């Protein structure tokens, strides 16, 4: 069952053609996904990313204030004994 060099059986040609067609379709689909990300996802992240960062910053500010309030209201507690690690004096 040896085949001659350079010739393909009909089923081998169909497999090769199908593989090439699948590769081309995959590449086109990949280009569509990249276009979608560039055109839809990235602009949305840019629009809403700053909003998310502002929200996180606000929440962190509230948390820092809460921690400061607890530290000042309980000066003898374990958390109050450690003092400020940033060298800030009050």
C-alpha atoms as a PDB file:
ATOM      1  CA  UNK A   1       0.000   0.000   0.000  1.00  0.00           C
ATOM      2  CA  UNK A   2       2.772   2.379  -0.795  1.00  0.00           C
ATOM      3  CA  UNK A   3       1.800   5.561  -2.603  1.00  0.00           C
ATOM      4  CA  UNK A   4       3.854   7.353  -5.178  1.00  0.00           C
ATOM      5  CA  UNK A   5       5.774  10.405  -4.077  1.00  0.00           C
ATOM      6  CA  UNK A   6       3.899  13.659  -4.732  1.00  0.00           C
ATOM      7  CA  UNK A   7       0.460  12.132  -5.309  1.00  0.00           C
ATOM      8  CA  UNK A   8      -2.336  12.097  -2.787  1.00  0.00           C
ATOM      9  CA  UNK A   9      -5.310   9.866  -2.519  1.00  0.00           C
ATOM     10  CA  UNK A  10      -8.680  11.599  -2.897  1.00  0.00           C
ATOM     11  CA  UNK A  11      -9.453  11.363   0.821  1.00  0.00           C
ATOM     12  CA  UNK A  12      -6.036  12.842   1.662  1.00  0.00           C
ATOM     13  CA  UNK A  13      -6.719  15.769  -0.648  1.00  0.00           C
ATOM     14  CA  UNK A  14     -10.104  16.350   1.036  1.00  0.00           C
ATOM     15  CA  UNK A  15      -8.498  16.240   4.477  1.00  0.00           C
ATOM     16  CA  UNK A  16      -5.838  18.745   3.380  1.00  0.00           C
ATOM     17  CA  UNK A  17      -8.462  21.039   1.822  1.00  0.00           C
ATOM     18  CA  UNK A  18     -10.659  20.816   4.913  1.00  0.00           C
ATOM     19  CA  UNK A  19      -7.689  21.597   7.143  1.00  0.00           C
ATOM     20  CA  UNK A  20      -6.803  24.643   5.041  1.00  0.00           C
ATOM     21  CA  UNK A  21     -10.430  25.825   5.056  1.00  0.00           C
ATOM     22  CA  UNK A  22     -10.672  25.398   8.842  1.00  0.00           C
ATOM     23  CA  UNK A  23      -7.410  27.289   9.314  1.00  0.00           C
ATOM     24  CA  UNK A  24      -8.687  30.165   7.153  1.00  0.00           C
ATOM     25  CA  UNK A  25     -12.029  30.252   9.001  1.00  0.00           C
ATOM     26  CA  UNK A  26     -10.255  30.187  12.360  1.00  0.00           C
ATOM     27  CA  UNK A  27      -7.975  33.055  11.340  1.00  0.00           C
ATOM     28  CA  UNK A  28     -10.956  35.118  10.161  1.00  0.00           C
ATOM     29  CA  UNK A  29     -12.849  34.413  13.385  1.00  0.00           C
ATOM     30  CA  UNK A  30      -9.784  35.400  15.380  1.00  0.00           C
ATOM     31  CA  UNK A  31      -9.611  38.689  13.448  1.00  0.00           C
ATOM     32  CA  UNK A  32     -13.302  39.314  14.278  1.00  0.00           C
ATOM     33  CA  UNK A  33     -12.656  38.678  17.977  1.00  0.00           C
ATOM     34  CA  UNK A  34      -9.675  41.058  17.984  1.00  0.00           C
ATOM     35  CA  UNK A  35     -11.768  43.722  16.187  1.00  0.00           C
ATOM     36  CA  UNK A  36     -14.573  43.263  18.732  1.00  0.00           C
ATOM     37  CA  UNK A  37     -12.155  43.661  21.632  1.00  0.00           C
ATOM     38  CA  UNK A  38     -10.567  46.740  20.049  1.00  0.00           C
ATOM     39  CA  UNK A  39     -13.878  48.351  19.032  1.00  0.00           C
ATOM     40  CA  UNK A  40     -16.157  47.406  21.933  1.00  0.00           C
ATOM     41  CA  UNK A  41     -14.321  46.127  25.001  1.00  0.00           C
ATOM     42  CA  UNK A  42     -11.349  48.499  25.185  1.00  0.00           C
ATOM     43  CA  UNK A  43     -13.429  51.703  24.840  1.00  0.00           C
ATOM     44  CA  UNK A  44     -15.876  50.441  27.484  1.00  0.00           C
ATOM     45  CA  UNK A  45     -13.044  49.668  29.888  1.00  0.00           C
ATOM     46  CA  UNK A  46     -11.582  53.114  29.269  1.00  0.00           C
ATOM     47  CA  UNK A  47     -14.954  54.768  29.905  1.00  0.00           C
ATOM     48  CA  UNK A  48     -15.797  52.822  33.043  1.00  0.00           C
ATOM     49  CA  UNK A  49     -12.316  52.062  34.323  1.00  0.00           C
ATOM     50  CA  UNK A  50     -11.917  55.503  35.865  1.00  0.00           C
ATOM     51  CA  UNK A  51     -15.323  55.177  37.525  1.00  0.00           C
ATOM     52  CA  UNK A  52     -14.314  51.859  39.070  1.00  0.00           C
ATOM     53  CA  UNK A  53     -11.012  53.327  40.280  1.00  0.00           C
ATOM     54  CA  UNK A  54     -12.784  56.328  41.820  1.00  0.00           C
ATOM     55  CA  UNK A  55     -15.220  54.024  43.590  1.00  0.00           C
ATOM     56  CA  UNK A  56     -12.378  51.872  44.925  1.00  0.00           C
ATOM     57  CA  UNK A  57     -10.452  54.977  46.027  1.00  0.00           C
ATOM     58  CA  UNK A  58     -13.499  56.296  47.853  1.00  0.00           C
ATOM     59  CA  UNK A  59     -14.010  52.985  49.625  1.00  0.00           C
ATOM     60  CA  UNK A  60     -10.336  52.821  50.590  1.00  0.00           C
ATOM     61  CA  UNK A  61     -10.565  56.372  51.958  1.00  0.00           C
ATOM     62  CA  UNK A  62     -13.547  55.322  54.095  1.00  0.00           C
ATOM     63  CA  UNK A  63     -11.659  52.262  55.322  1.00  0.00           C
ATOM     64  CA  UNK A  64      -8.599  54.359  56.235  1.00  0.00           C
ATOM     65  CA  UNK A  65     -10.798  56.818  58.152  1.00  0.00           C
ATOM     66  CA  UNK A  66     -12.491  53.942  59.971  1.00  0.00           C
ATOM     67  CA  UNK A  67      -9.103  52.490  60.919  1.00  0.00           C
ATOM     68  CA  UNK A  68      -7.896  55.898  62.135  1.00  0.00           C
ATOM     69  CA  UNK A  69     -11.081  56.378  64.176  1.00  0.00           C
ATOM     70  CA  UNK A  70     -10.640  52.970  65.822  1.00  0.00           C
ATOM     71  CA  UNK A  71      -6.971  53.601  66.537  1.00  0.00           C
ATOM     72  CA  UNK A  72      -7.701  56.938  68.226  1.00  0.00           C
ATOM     73  CA  UNK A  73     -10.692  55.667  70.203  1.00  0.00           C
ATOM     74  CA  UNK A  74      -8.770  52.629  71.536  1.00  0.00           C
ATOM     75  CA  UNK A  75      -5.220  53.891  72.229  1.00  0.00           C
ATOM     76  CA  UNK A  76      -4.373  51.023  74.633  1.00  0.00           C
ATOM     77  CA  UNK A  77      -5.511  48.251  72.295  1.00  0.00           C
ATOM     78  CA  UNK A  78      -3.105  46.023  70.412  1.00  0.00           C
ATOM     79  CA  UNK A  79      -3.678  47.967  67.162  1.00  0.00           C
ATOM     80  CA  UNK A  80      -2.986  51.262  68.965  1.00  0.00           C
ATOM     81  CA  UNK A  81       0.282  50.010  70.456  1.00  0.00           C
ATOM     82  CA  UNK A  82       1.915  49.392  67.121  1.00  0.00           C
ATOM     83  CA  UNK A  83       1.786  53.099  66.181  1.00  0.00           C
ATOM     84  CA  UNK A  84       2.096  54.471  62.680  1.00  0.00           C
ATOM     85  CA  UNK A  85       4.469  52.681  60.379  1.00  0.00           C
ATOM     86  CA  UNK A  86       4.754  55.685  58.067  1.00  0.00           C
ATOM     87  CA  UNK A  87       6.357  57.933  60.676  1.00  0.00           C
ATOM     88  CA  UNK A  88       3.371  60.271  60.845  1.00  0.00           C
ATOM     89  CA  UNK A  89       2.843  62.005  64.209  1.00  0.00           C
ATOM     90  CA  UNK A  90      -0.485  63.156  65.522  1.00  0.00           C
END
